[in-house]
Amino acid sequence: MSIQKEFVLRYRIDGHIRFQIPTLVCDKTIAKTITTRLLAIDGVYRVTLYRNQQKLSIRFQESVCDFKALARQLFQILSDLENAGAFEQKTVIETGRLTEWKERAKVKLGSFKVTRWAKEKYGDAKETVQAAKIITKLGMSKPKSFVNDPEKAVIDFLNDILVLFLIRLHWADITQKWLIKPLKYRYEWMALFYMFFLLVRARKKK
C-alpha cells in the first residue's frame, strides 16, 4: 500500500490544510525531511508536523501555490522517500524492536512463572514438612505403642502421612469447589469420609 493513501485530509480552508498521517512519517528523520522540503516550495510559509498526534499542518499562500499543486508536490516528496527505501528501513527497524520487546517480555514472563512455581512448591513442601514433624512428635509421645507393636505404629504413621498428603494435595479444590458445591462433588466427599473411616478404624484396638 502506497504511503500517500494513508494521508487523510482532516481540515481545509484557504491557505491552511491539515492531514492525519501514518506512524512511519512521524519518524524524526523522515519528519524533518518532509518539513524541510515542504518549506522549500514557493508559497509555503509554515509547516508543523506533530509527531505524537500524527498530524501535519501546512499554511501557504493560495495565490502562489493552490491546494492541488501543493498536494501534488507533497505526494511527490513522499514518493521520493518511498523509492529511496526510507519507509521500508523504518518498518524493518520497528519490526525488529517489536520482536526484541516480545522476546524480552516472554523471558520475563517465563522467569516470573518459574519463580512463582518454585515459591509455591517451596511453600507446599515447607508446610508438609512442618505437619510431618507434628505427626512424628505425636507418635514419639507414645513410645509404648511402638515397643508393643512396632509394625502397627509404623503403619499408623505412614497412614497419617498419606492422609496429610492427600488433604494438602486437594486443599484448594476442597475450599474453592467442594465446599461451594457439595452435591456436585458428592463422590469426592464420600471418598474423603471413607478415608477417614478407614483411618479411625485402623487405629482402634483389636
N, C-alpha and C. Protein backbone atom coordinates (compact mmCIF):
# COMPACT_ATOMS: atom_id res chain seq x y z
N MET A 1 0.84 -1.20 0.00
CA MET A 1 0.00 0.00 0.00
C MET A 1 0.88 1.25 0.00
N SER A 2 0.57 2.19 -0.93
CA SER A 2 1.35 3.41 -1.05
C SER A 2 1.15 4.28 0.19
N ILE A 3 2.24 4.92 0.62
CA ILE A 3 2.17 5.76 1.82
C ILE A 3 1.25 6.95 1.63
N GLN A 4 1.12 7.41 0.38
CA GLN A 4 0.25 8.57 0.10
C GLN A 4 -1.21 8.27 0.46
N LYS A 5 -1.63 7.01 0.28
CA LYS A 5 -3.01 6.66 0.55
C LYS A 5 -3.34 6.66 2.03
N GLU A 6 -2.31 6.67 2.86
CA GLU A 6 -2.53 6.69 4.30
C GLU A 6 -2.64 8.11 4.85
N PHE A 7 -2.46 9.11 3.97
CA PHE A 7 -2.67 10.50 4.37
C PHE A 7 -4.16 10.83 4.25
N VAL A 8 -4.75 11.33 5.33
CA VAL A 8 -6.18 11.65 5.34
C VAL A 8 -6.35 13.15 5.59
N LEU A 9 -7.04 13.83 4.67
CA LEU A 9 -7.27 15.26 4.80
C LEU A 9 -8.34 15.49 5.87
N ARG A 10 -7.96 16.15 6.98
CA ARG A 10 -8.88 16.39 8.08
C ARG A 10 -9.44 17.81 8.11
N TYR A 11 -8.70 18.74 7.50
CA TYR A 11 -9.12 20.14 7.60
C TYR A 11 -8.59 20.91 6.40
N ARG A 12 -9.47 21.78 5.86
CA ARG A 12 -9.02 22.57 4.71
C ARG A 12 -9.81 23.87 4.63
N ILE A 13 -9.07 24.96 4.63
CA ILE A 13 -9.62 26.28 4.31
C ILE A 13 -8.59 26.96 3.41
N ASP A 14 -8.90 28.11 2.92
CA ASP A 14 -7.95 28.83 2.06
C ASP A 14 -6.66 29.11 2.81
N GLY A 15 -5.57 28.56 2.30
CA GLY A 15 -4.26 28.82 2.89
C GLY A 15 -3.88 27.93 4.06
N HIS A 16 -4.74 26.95 4.39
CA HIS A 16 -4.39 26.08 5.52
C HIS A 16 -5.01 24.70 5.32
N ILE A 17 -4.18 23.65 5.40
CA ILE A 17 -4.66 22.28 5.34
C ILE A 17 -4.01 21.47 6.45
N ARG A 18 -4.72 20.43 6.87
CA ARG A 18 -4.18 19.56 7.93
C ARG A 18 -4.50 18.11 7.58
N PHE A 19 -3.45 17.26 7.66
CA PHE A 19 -3.58 15.85 7.35
C PHE A 19 -3.41 15.00 8.61
N GLN A 20 -4.12 13.88 8.64
CA GLN A 20 -3.81 12.81 9.59
C GLN A 20 -2.81 11.91 8.89
N ILE A 21 -1.66 11.67 9.52
CA ILE A 21 -0.56 10.99 8.84
C ILE A 21 -0.25 9.65 9.52
N PRO A 22 0.35 8.71 8.77
CA PRO A 22 0.69 7.40 9.36
C PRO A 22 1.89 7.49 10.30
N THR A 23 2.07 6.43 11.06
CA THR A 23 3.15 6.41 12.07
C THR A 23 4.53 6.48 11.44
N LEU A 24 4.71 5.86 10.28
CA LEU A 24 6.02 5.84 9.64
C LEU A 24 6.53 7.23 9.34
N VAL A 25 5.65 8.15 9.03
CA VAL A 25 6.05 9.52 8.68
C VAL A 25 6.49 10.30 9.92
N CYS A 26 6.10 9.80 11.11
CA CYS A 26 6.42 10.50 12.35
C CYS A 26 7.83 10.21 12.86
N ASP A 27 8.58 9.43 12.13
CA ASP A 27 9.99 9.23 12.48
C ASP A 27 10.72 10.58 12.43
N LYS A 28 11.62 10.80 13.35
CA LYS A 28 12.27 12.10 13.49
C LYS A 28 12.97 12.53 12.20
N THR A 29 13.73 11.62 11.61
CA THR A 29 14.47 11.96 10.39
C THR A 29 13.54 12.21 9.22
N ILE A 30 12.56 11.34 9.04
CA ILE A 30 11.61 11.48 7.94
C ILE A 30 10.79 12.75 8.11
N ALA A 31 10.35 13.03 9.31
CA ALA A 31 9.55 14.23 9.57
C ALA A 31 10.35 15.49 9.24
N LYS A 32 11.61 15.49 9.62
CA LYS A 32 12.45 16.65 9.33
C LYS A 32 12.63 16.84 7.82
N THR A 33 12.81 15.74 7.10
CA THR A 33 12.99 15.82 5.64
C THR A 33 11.74 16.38 4.97
N ILE A 34 10.58 15.87 5.37
CA ILE A 34 9.32 16.33 4.78
C ILE A 34 9.09 17.81 5.09
N THR A 35 9.34 18.21 6.33
CA THR A 35 9.16 19.60 6.72
C THR A 35 10.07 20.54 5.91
N THR A 36 11.33 20.14 5.78
CA THR A 36 12.30 20.97 5.05
C THR A 36 11.91 21.12 3.58
N ARG A 37 11.51 20.01 2.95
CA ARG A 37 11.17 20.07 1.53
C ARG A 37 9.85 20.83 1.28
N LEU A 38 8.93 20.73 2.22
CA LEU A 38 7.68 21.49 2.06
C LEU A 38 7.92 22.99 2.18
N LEU A 39 8.79 23.38 3.11
CA LEU A 39 9.11 24.80 3.29
C LEU A 39 9.84 25.38 2.08
N ALA A 40 10.45 24.49 1.30
CA ALA A 40 11.18 24.95 0.11
C ALA A 40 10.24 25.24 -1.07
N ILE A 41 8.99 24.87 -0.95
CA ILE A 41 8.01 25.12 -2.01
C ILE A 41 7.58 26.59 -1.97
N ASP A 42 7.54 27.21 -3.11
CA ASP A 42 7.11 28.61 -3.19
C ASP A 42 5.67 28.75 -2.70
N GLY A 43 5.45 29.69 -1.78
CA GLY A 43 4.12 29.94 -1.25
C GLY A 43 3.87 29.31 0.10
N VAL A 44 4.65 28.29 0.46
CA VAL A 44 4.51 27.65 1.78
C VAL A 44 5.35 28.42 2.79
N TYR A 45 4.72 28.90 3.86
CA TYR A 45 5.46 29.69 4.84
C TYR A 45 5.47 29.08 6.25
N ARG A 46 4.67 28.04 6.47
CA ARG A 46 4.72 27.39 7.78
C ARG A 46 4.31 25.92 7.64
N VAL A 47 5.16 25.05 8.21
CA VAL A 47 4.86 23.62 8.22
C VAL A 47 5.10 23.10 9.64
N THR A 48 4.08 22.45 10.20
CA THR A 48 4.20 21.88 11.54
C THR A 48 3.78 20.42 11.49
N LEU A 49 4.70 19.54 11.87
CA LEU A 49 4.40 18.12 11.91
C LEU A 49 4.37 17.68 13.37
N TYR A 50 3.18 17.32 13.84
CA TYR A 50 3.00 16.88 15.23
C TYR A 50 3.20 15.37 15.29
N ARG A 51 4.38 14.97 15.72
CA ARG A 51 4.73 13.55 15.69
C ARG A 51 3.90 12.73 16.66
N ASN A 52 3.65 13.25 17.85
CA ASN A 52 2.89 12.50 18.85
C ASN A 52 1.42 12.37 18.45
N GLN A 53 0.88 13.42 17.82
CA GLN A 53 -0.52 13.43 17.43
C GLN A 53 -0.74 12.90 16.02
N GLN A 54 0.35 12.66 15.29
CA GLN A 54 0.30 12.16 13.91
C GLN A 54 -0.52 13.11 13.02
N LYS A 55 -0.14 14.38 13.06
CA LYS A 55 -0.81 15.40 12.25
C LYS A 55 0.22 16.24 11.51
N LEU A 56 -0.16 16.69 10.31
CA LEU A 56 0.68 17.56 9.51
C LEU A 56 -0.12 18.79 9.12
N SER A 57 0.36 19.93 9.57
CA SER A 57 -0.32 21.20 9.28
C SER A 57 0.54 22.04 8.34
N ILE A 58 -0.08 22.53 7.27
CA ILE A 58 0.64 23.33 6.26
C ILE A 58 -0.12 24.63 6.01
N ARG A 59 0.59 25.74 6.12
CA ARG A 59 0.00 27.05 5.80
C ARG A 59 0.72 27.61 4.57
N PHE A 60 -0.06 28.12 3.62
CA PHE A 60 0.51 28.55 2.34
C PHE A 60 -0.34 29.68 1.75
N GLN A 61 0.22 30.32 0.71
CA GLN A 61 -0.47 31.40 0.01
C GLN A 61 -1.15 30.83 -1.24
N GLU A 62 -2.46 30.89 -1.26
CA GLU A 62 -3.24 30.33 -2.38
C GLU A 62 -2.88 30.98 -3.71
N SER A 63 -2.53 32.27 -3.65
CA SER A 63 -2.23 32.98 -4.89
C SER A 63 -0.93 32.50 -5.53
N VAL A 64 -0.04 31.91 -4.71
CA VAL A 64 1.26 31.43 -5.21
C VAL A 64 1.21 29.93 -5.49
N CYS A 65 0.61 29.20 -4.58
CA CYS A 65 0.55 27.74 -4.71
C CYS A 65 -0.81 27.27 -4.22
N ASP A 66 -1.66 26.81 -5.14
CA ASP A 66 -3.00 26.39 -4.71
C ASP A 66 -2.96 24.98 -4.09
N PHE A 67 -4.12 24.54 -3.62
CA PHE A 67 -4.19 23.26 -2.88
C PHE A 67 -3.75 22.08 -3.74
N LYS A 68 -4.22 22.02 -4.98
CA LYS A 68 -3.90 20.88 -5.84
C LYS A 68 -2.41 20.80 -6.14
N ALA A 69 -1.82 21.94 -6.41
CA ALA A 69 -0.38 21.95 -6.69
C ALA A 69 0.42 21.55 -5.45
N LEU A 70 -0.03 22.04 -4.29
CA LEU A 70 0.66 21.69 -3.04
C LEU A 70 0.53 20.19 -2.75
N ALA A 71 -0.67 19.64 -2.96
CA ALA A 71 -0.89 18.20 -2.72
C ALA A 71 -0.01 17.36 -3.64
N ARG A 72 0.11 17.77 -4.92
CA ARG A 72 0.95 17.02 -5.85
C ARG A 72 2.40 17.01 -5.40
N GLN A 73 2.88 18.16 -4.94
CA GLN A 73 4.28 18.24 -4.52
C GLN A 73 4.51 17.46 -3.22
N LEU A 74 3.52 17.49 -2.33
CA LEU A 74 3.64 16.71 -1.10
C LEU A 74 3.72 15.22 -1.43
N PHE A 75 2.86 14.75 -2.32
CA PHE A 75 2.87 13.34 -2.68
C PHE A 75 4.14 12.97 -3.44
N GLN A 76 4.71 13.93 -4.17
CA GLN A 76 5.98 13.66 -4.85
C GLN A 76 7.11 13.49 -3.84
N ILE A 77 7.07 14.30 -2.79
CA ILE A 77 8.09 14.16 -1.72
C ILE A 77 7.98 12.77 -1.08
N LEU A 78 6.74 12.36 -0.80
CA LEU A 78 6.53 11.04 -0.19
C LEU A 78 6.96 9.93 -1.14
N SER A 79 6.69 10.11 -2.43
CA SER A 79 7.09 9.11 -3.42
C SER A 79 8.61 8.99 -3.49
N ASP A 80 9.30 10.13 -3.42
CA ASP A 80 10.77 10.10 -3.45
C ASP A 80 11.32 9.35 -2.24
N LEU A 81 10.74 9.60 -1.07
CA LEU A 81 11.19 8.92 0.15
C LEU A 81 10.90 7.43 0.07
N GLU A 82 9.74 7.10 -0.48
CA GLU A 82 9.36 5.69 -0.60
C GLU A 82 10.29 4.96 -1.56
N ASN A 83 10.61 5.61 -2.68
CA ASN A 83 11.52 4.99 -3.66
C ASN A 83 12.93 4.85 -3.11
N ALA A 84 13.29 5.75 -2.21
CA ALA A 84 14.62 5.67 -1.60
C ALA A 84 14.69 4.60 -0.50
N GLY A 85 13.54 4.01 -0.17
CA GLY A 85 13.51 2.95 0.83
C GLY A 85 13.47 3.45 2.26
N ALA A 86 13.14 4.72 2.46
CA ALA A 86 13.13 5.28 3.82
C ALA A 86 12.07 4.62 4.69
N PHE A 87 10.90 4.37 4.12
CA PHE A 87 9.82 3.78 4.91
C PHE A 87 10.04 2.29 5.15
N GLU A 88 10.64 1.61 4.18
CA GLU A 88 10.93 0.19 4.36
C GLU A 88 11.96 -0.01 5.47
N GLN A 89 12.99 0.81 5.48
CA GLN A 89 14.02 0.72 6.51
C GLN A 89 13.42 0.97 7.89
N LYS A 90 12.53 1.95 7.94
CA LYS A 90 11.88 2.26 9.21
C LYS A 90 11.02 1.10 9.68
N THR A 91 10.33 0.46 8.72
CA THR A 91 9.47 -0.68 9.06
C THR A 91 10.29 -1.83 9.62
N VAL A 92 11.44 -2.09 9.00
CA VAL A 92 12.31 -3.16 9.46
C VAL A 92 12.81 -2.88 10.88
N ILE A 93 13.18 -1.63 11.12
CA ILE A 93 13.67 -1.26 12.45
C ILE A 93 12.59 -1.44 13.50
N GLU A 94 11.39 -0.94 13.18
CA GLU A 94 10.29 -1.04 14.13
C GLU A 94 9.91 -2.49 14.37
N THR A 95 9.92 -3.31 13.30
CA THR A 95 9.61 -4.72 13.45
C THR A 95 10.65 -5.41 14.32
N GLY A 96 11.92 -5.05 14.11
CA GLY A 96 12.98 -5.62 14.94
C GLY A 96 12.84 -5.24 16.40
N ARG A 97 12.49 -3.98 16.64
CA ARG A 97 12.29 -3.54 18.02
C ARG A 97 11.12 -4.25 18.66
N LEU A 98 10.02 -4.42 17.89
CA LEU A 98 8.85 -5.10 18.42
C LEU A 98 9.16 -6.55 18.74
N THR A 99 9.90 -7.22 17.84
CA THR A 99 10.27 -8.61 18.08
C THR A 99 11.16 -8.73 19.31
N GLU A 100 12.11 -7.81 19.43
CA GLU A 100 13.00 -7.82 20.59
C GLU A 100 12.22 -7.62 21.88
N TRP A 101 11.26 -6.69 21.83
CA TRP A 101 10.44 -6.42 23.02
C TRP A 101 9.62 -7.65 23.40
N LYS A 102 9.07 -8.33 22.38
CA LYS A 102 8.27 -9.52 22.65
C LYS A 102 9.12 -10.62 23.26
N GLU A 103 10.35 -10.77 22.74
CA GLU A 103 11.24 -11.81 23.27
C GLU A 103 11.60 -11.51 24.73
N ARG A 104 11.88 -10.23 25.01
CA ARG A 104 12.18 -9.86 26.38
C ARG A 104 10.99 -10.10 27.29
N ALA A 105 9.80 -9.78 26.78
CA ALA A 105 8.59 -9.98 27.57
C ALA A 105 8.38 -11.47 27.87
N LYS A 106 8.65 -12.32 26.86
CA LYS A 106 8.50 -13.76 27.05
C LYS A 106 9.46 -14.27 28.12
N VAL A 107 10.72 -13.78 28.05
CA VAL A 107 11.72 -14.20 29.02
C VAL A 107 11.31 -13.78 30.43
N LYS A 108 10.85 -12.52 30.56
CA LYS A 108 10.43 -12.04 31.87
C LYS A 108 9.24 -12.81 32.38
N LEU A 109 8.28 -13.08 31.48
CA LEU A 109 7.09 -13.81 31.88
C LEU A 109 7.45 -15.23 32.29
N GLY A 110 8.36 -15.84 31.50
CA GLY A 110 8.79 -17.19 31.84
C GLY A 110 9.51 -17.23 33.18
N SER A 111 10.36 -16.24 33.43
CA SER A 111 11.08 -16.17 34.71
C SER A 111 10.11 -15.98 35.85
N PHE A 112 9.09 -15.14 35.61
CA PHE A 112 8.09 -14.90 36.66
C PHE A 112 7.32 -16.17 36.98
N LYS A 113 6.93 -16.92 35.92
CA LYS A 113 6.18 -18.15 36.13
C LYS A 113 7.02 -19.19 36.88
N VAL A 114 8.29 -19.30 36.48
CA VAL A 114 9.17 -20.26 37.14
C VAL A 114 9.37 -19.89 38.60
N THR A 115 9.57 -18.59 38.85
CA THR A 115 9.78 -18.12 40.23
C THR A 115 8.54 -18.37 41.07
N ARG A 116 7.37 -18.06 40.50
CA ARG A 116 6.13 -18.25 41.25
C ARG A 116 5.90 -19.73 41.53
N TRP A 117 6.17 -20.58 40.50
CA TRP A 117 6.01 -22.02 40.70
C TRP A 117 6.95 -22.53 41.79
N ALA A 118 8.19 -22.06 41.77
CA ALA A 118 9.17 -22.50 42.77
C ALA A 118 8.74 -22.08 44.17
N LYS A 119 8.25 -20.84 44.29
CA LYS A 119 7.79 -20.36 45.60
C LYS A 119 6.61 -21.18 46.11
N GLU A 120 5.68 -21.49 45.20
CA GLU A 120 4.52 -22.29 45.61
C GLU A 120 4.94 -23.67 46.08
N LYS A 121 5.85 -24.30 45.31
CA LYS A 121 6.30 -25.64 45.67
C LYS A 121 7.10 -25.62 46.97
N TYR A 122 7.89 -24.57 47.16
CA TYR A 122 8.65 -24.45 48.40
C TYR A 122 7.72 -24.30 49.60
N GLY A 123 6.66 -23.49 49.40
CA GLY A 123 5.68 -23.31 50.47
C GLY A 123 4.96 -24.60 50.79
N ASP A 124 4.58 -25.35 49.73
CA ASP A 124 3.90 -26.63 49.95
C ASP A 124 4.80 -27.61 50.70
N ALA A 125 6.06 -27.67 50.26
CA ALA A 125 6.99 -28.60 50.90
C ALA A 125 7.24 -28.21 52.35
N LYS A 126 7.34 -26.91 52.60
CA LYS A 126 7.60 -26.44 53.96
C LYS A 126 6.44 -26.78 54.89
N GLU A 127 5.21 -26.57 54.39
CA GLU A 127 4.04 -26.88 55.20
C GLU A 127 3.94 -28.39 55.45
N THR A 128 4.24 -29.19 54.43
CA THR A 128 4.18 -30.63 54.59
C THR A 128 5.20 -31.13 55.60
N VAL A 129 6.40 -30.58 55.54
CA VAL A 129 7.45 -30.97 56.49
C VAL A 129 7.06 -30.60 57.91
N GLN A 130 6.49 -29.40 58.08
CA GLN A 130 6.06 -28.97 59.42
C GLN A 130 4.98 -29.90 59.98
N ALA A 131 4.02 -30.25 59.10
CA ALA A 131 2.97 -31.15 59.55
C ALA A 131 3.53 -32.53 59.88
N ALA A 132 4.50 -32.99 59.08
CA ALA A 132 5.11 -34.29 59.35
C ALA A 132 5.84 -34.28 60.69
N LYS A 133 6.44 -33.16 61.03
CA LYS A 133 7.13 -33.05 62.33
C LYS A 133 6.13 -33.18 63.47
N ILE A 134 4.96 -32.56 63.29
CA ILE A 134 3.94 -32.64 64.33
C ILE A 134 3.46 -34.07 64.52
N ILE A 135 3.23 -34.76 63.39
CA ILE A 135 2.79 -36.15 63.47
C ILE A 135 3.86 -37.02 64.11
N THR A 136 5.11 -36.75 63.76
CA THR A 136 6.22 -37.52 64.35
C THR A 136 6.28 -37.32 65.85
N LYS A 137 6.10 -36.07 66.30
CA LYS A 137 6.11 -35.78 67.74
C LYS A 137 4.97 -36.50 68.45
N LEU A 138 3.79 -36.52 67.78
CA LEU A 138 2.65 -37.22 68.38
C LEU A 138 2.93 -38.71 68.50
N GLY A 139 3.59 -39.26 67.46
CA GLY A 139 3.92 -40.68 67.51
C GLY A 139 4.96 -40.99 68.56
N MET A 140 5.94 -40.10 68.72
CA MET A 140 7.00 -40.32 69.70
C MET A 140 6.50 -40.13 71.13
N SER A 141 5.38 -39.41 71.28
CA SER A 141 4.85 -39.20 72.63
C SER A 141 4.22 -40.48 73.17
N LYS A 142 4.07 -41.48 72.34
CA LYS A 142 3.51 -42.76 72.77
C LYS A 142 4.50 -43.88 72.45
N PRO A 143 5.63 -43.92 73.18
CA PRO A 143 6.66 -44.92 72.86
C PRO A 143 6.20 -46.35 73.14
N LYS A 144 5.23 -46.50 74.09
CA LYS A 144 4.78 -47.84 74.43
C LYS A 144 4.15 -48.54 73.22
N SER A 145 3.38 -47.76 72.44
CA SER A 145 2.73 -48.36 71.27
C SER A 145 3.75 -48.86 70.27
N PHE A 146 4.87 -48.16 70.15
CA PHE A 146 5.91 -48.58 69.21
C PHE A 146 6.62 -49.82 69.72
N VAL A 147 6.82 -49.88 71.06
CA VAL A 147 7.50 -51.05 71.64
C VAL A 147 6.60 -52.27 71.58
N ASN A 148 5.33 -52.07 71.90
CA ASN A 148 4.40 -53.20 71.93
C ASN A 148 4.11 -53.74 70.54
N ASP A 149 3.91 -52.86 69.59
CA ASP A 149 3.58 -53.32 68.23
C ASP A 149 4.23 -52.37 67.22
N PRO A 150 5.52 -52.53 66.94
CA PRO A 150 6.23 -51.60 66.04
C PRO A 150 5.66 -51.58 64.63
N GLU A 151 5.15 -52.74 64.16
CA GLU A 151 4.60 -52.78 62.80
C GLU A 151 3.36 -51.89 62.70
N LYS A 152 2.47 -51.99 63.68
CA LYS A 152 1.26 -51.17 63.66
C LYS A 152 1.60 -49.69 63.82
N ALA A 153 2.59 -49.38 64.65
CA ALA A 153 2.97 -47.98 64.86
C ALA A 153 3.50 -47.36 63.57
N VAL A 154 4.31 -48.13 62.85
CA VAL A 154 4.85 -47.62 61.57
C VAL A 154 3.74 -47.45 60.56
N ILE A 155 2.81 -48.41 60.50
CA ILE A 155 1.69 -48.32 59.55
C ILE A 155 0.81 -47.12 59.86
N ASP A 156 0.54 -46.91 61.15
CA ASP A 156 -0.27 -45.76 61.55
C ASP A 156 0.41 -44.45 61.16
N PHE A 157 1.72 -44.40 61.35
CA PHE A 157 2.47 -43.19 61.00
C PHE A 157 2.41 -42.93 59.49
N LEU A 158 2.61 -43.99 58.71
CA LEU A 158 2.56 -43.83 57.25
C LEU A 158 1.16 -43.46 56.78
N ASN A 159 0.14 -44.01 57.45
CA ASN A 159 -1.24 -43.65 57.10
C ASN A 159 -1.50 -42.17 57.36
N ASP A 160 -0.98 -41.68 58.48
CA ASP A 160 -1.14 -40.26 58.80
C ASP A 160 -0.47 -39.38 57.74
N ILE A 161 0.73 -39.79 57.33
CA ILE A 161 1.43 -39.04 56.30
C ILE A 161 0.65 -39.05 54.99
N LEU A 162 0.10 -40.21 54.64
CA LEU A 162 -0.66 -40.33 53.39
C LEU A 162 -1.91 -39.45 53.42
N VAL A 163 -2.63 -39.47 54.53
CA VAL A 163 -3.84 -38.63 54.66
C VAL A 163 -3.47 -37.16 54.59
N LEU A 164 -2.40 -36.80 55.27
CA LEU A 164 -1.95 -35.42 55.24
C LEU A 164 -1.61 -34.99 53.82
N PHE A 165 -0.90 -35.85 53.11
CA PHE A 165 -0.51 -35.53 51.73
C PHE A 165 -1.74 -35.36 50.83
N LEU A 166 -2.71 -36.26 50.97
CA LEU A 166 -3.91 -36.20 50.13
C LEU A 166 -4.73 -34.94 50.42
N ILE A 167 -4.84 -34.58 51.69
CA ILE A 167 -5.58 -33.37 52.03
C ILE A 167 -4.86 -32.14 51.51
N ARG A 168 -3.54 -32.12 51.69
CA ARG A 168 -2.76 -30.98 51.20
C ARG A 168 -2.84 -30.87 49.69
N LEU A 169 -2.86 -32.01 49.01
CA LEU A 169 -2.89 -32.01 47.55
C LEU A 169 -4.22 -31.47 47.02
N HIS A 170 -5.31 -31.77 47.71
CA HIS A 170 -6.64 -31.36 47.25
C HIS A 170 -7.22 -30.20 48.05
N TRP A 171 -6.38 -29.52 48.83
CA TRP A 171 -6.89 -28.47 49.71
C TRP A 171 -7.55 -27.33 48.91
N ALA A 172 -6.94 -26.93 47.82
CA ALA A 172 -7.51 -25.85 47.01
C ALA A 172 -8.88 -26.23 46.45
N ASP A 173 -8.99 -27.49 45.98
CA ASP A 173 -10.29 -27.95 45.47
C ASP A 173 -11.33 -28.05 46.58
N ILE A 174 -10.90 -28.48 47.75
CA ILE A 174 -11.83 -28.63 48.88
C ILE A 174 -12.42 -27.28 49.27
N THR A 175 -11.55 -26.27 49.39
CA THR A 175 -12.01 -24.96 49.86
C THR A 175 -12.69 -24.13 48.77
N GLN A 176 -12.29 -24.33 47.51
CA GLN A 176 -12.81 -23.49 46.43
C GLN A 176 -13.90 -24.16 45.61
N LYS A 177 -14.01 -25.48 45.68
CA LYS A 177 -15.01 -26.17 44.85
C LYS A 177 -15.93 -27.06 45.67
N TRP A 178 -15.34 -27.98 46.45
CA TRP A 178 -16.14 -28.99 47.14
C TRP A 178 -17.09 -28.36 48.15
N LEU A 179 -16.60 -27.37 48.92
CA LEU A 179 -17.45 -26.73 49.93
C LEU A 179 -18.54 -25.88 49.30
N ILE A 180 -18.24 -25.28 48.14
CA ILE A 180 -19.20 -24.40 47.48
C ILE A 180 -20.32 -25.20 46.82
N LYS A 181 -19.95 -26.34 46.19
CA LYS A 181 -20.94 -27.18 45.50
C LYS A 181 -20.81 -28.63 46.00
N PRO A 182 -21.29 -28.88 47.22
CA PRO A 182 -21.11 -30.23 47.80
C PRO A 182 -21.84 -31.32 47.03
N LEU A 183 -23.01 -31.00 46.45
CA LEU A 183 -23.74 -32.03 45.70
C LEU A 183 -23.01 -32.43 44.42
N LYS A 184 -22.44 -31.45 43.77
CA LYS A 184 -21.71 -31.73 42.55
C LYS A 184 -20.50 -32.62 42.80
N TYR A 185 -19.87 -32.40 43.98
CA TYR A 185 -18.66 -33.17 44.32
C TYR A 185 -18.98 -34.18 45.43
N ARG A 186 -20.15 -34.75 45.38
CA ARG A 186 -20.58 -35.68 46.43
C ARG A 186 -19.71 -36.93 46.48
N TYR A 187 -19.28 -37.39 45.31
CA TYR A 187 -18.45 -38.60 45.30
C TYR A 187 -17.08 -38.33 45.91
N GLU A 188 -16.57 -37.14 45.70
CA GLU A 188 -15.30 -36.76 46.33
C GLU A 188 -15.45 -36.72 47.85
N TRP A 189 -16.59 -36.17 48.33
CA TRP A 189 -16.84 -36.14 49.77
C TRP A 189 -16.97 -37.55 50.34
N MET A 190 -17.65 -38.42 49.60
CA MET A 190 -17.79 -39.80 50.05
C MET A 190 -16.43 -40.48 50.18
N ALA A 191 -15.57 -40.23 49.19
CA ALA A 191 -14.22 -40.81 49.25
C ALA A 191 -13.44 -40.27 50.44
N LEU A 192 -13.62 -38.98 50.73
CA LEU A 192 -12.92 -38.36 51.86
C LEU A 192 -13.39 -38.94 53.19
N PHE A 193 -14.71 -39.05 53.35
CA PHE A 193 -15.25 -39.60 54.60
C PHE A 193 -14.85 -41.07 54.78
N TYR A 194 -14.85 -41.81 53.66
CA TYR A 194 -14.46 -43.22 53.74
C TYR A 194 -12.98 -43.35 54.12
N MET A 195 -12.17 -42.43 53.64
CA MET A 195 -10.75 -42.46 54.01
C MET A 195 -10.57 -42.24 55.51
N PHE A 196 -11.33 -41.28 56.05
CA PHE A 196 -11.24 -41.02 57.49
C PHE A 196 -11.79 -42.20 58.29
N PHE A 197 -12.83 -42.83 57.75
CA PHE A 197 -13.39 -44.01 58.42
C PHE A 197 -12.34 -45.12 58.53
N LEU A 198 -11.63 -45.35 57.42
CA LEU A 198 -10.58 -46.37 57.44
C LEU A 198 -9.46 -45.99 58.38
N LEU A 199 -9.13 -44.70 58.44
CA LEU A 199 -8.06 -44.25 59.33
C LEU A 199 -8.43 -44.46 60.78
N VAL A 200 -9.66 -44.09 61.15
CA VAL A 200 -10.12 -44.27 62.54
C VAL A 200 -10.24 -45.75 62.88
N ARG A 201 -10.75 -46.54 61.96
CA ARG A 201 -10.92 -47.97 62.18
C ARG A 201 -9.60 -48.68 62.38
N ALA A 202 -8.57 -48.20 61.62
CA ALA A 202 -7.26 -48.83 61.74
C ALA A 202 -6.62 -48.53 63.08
N ARG A 203 -7.01 -47.44 63.72
CA ARG A 203 -6.41 -47.05 65.00
C ARG A 203 -7.10 -47.69 66.20
N LYS A 204 -8.27 -48.27 65.96
CA LYS A 204 -8.96 -48.91 67.08
C LYS A 204 -8.22 -50.15 67.54
N LYS A 205 -8.21 -50.33 68.83
CA LYS A 205 -7.55 -51.52 69.38
C LYS A 205 -8.40 -52.74 69.12
N LYS A 206 -7.76 -53.81 68.73
CA LYS A 206 -8.47 -55.06 68.47
C LYS A 206 -8.84 -55.72 69.78
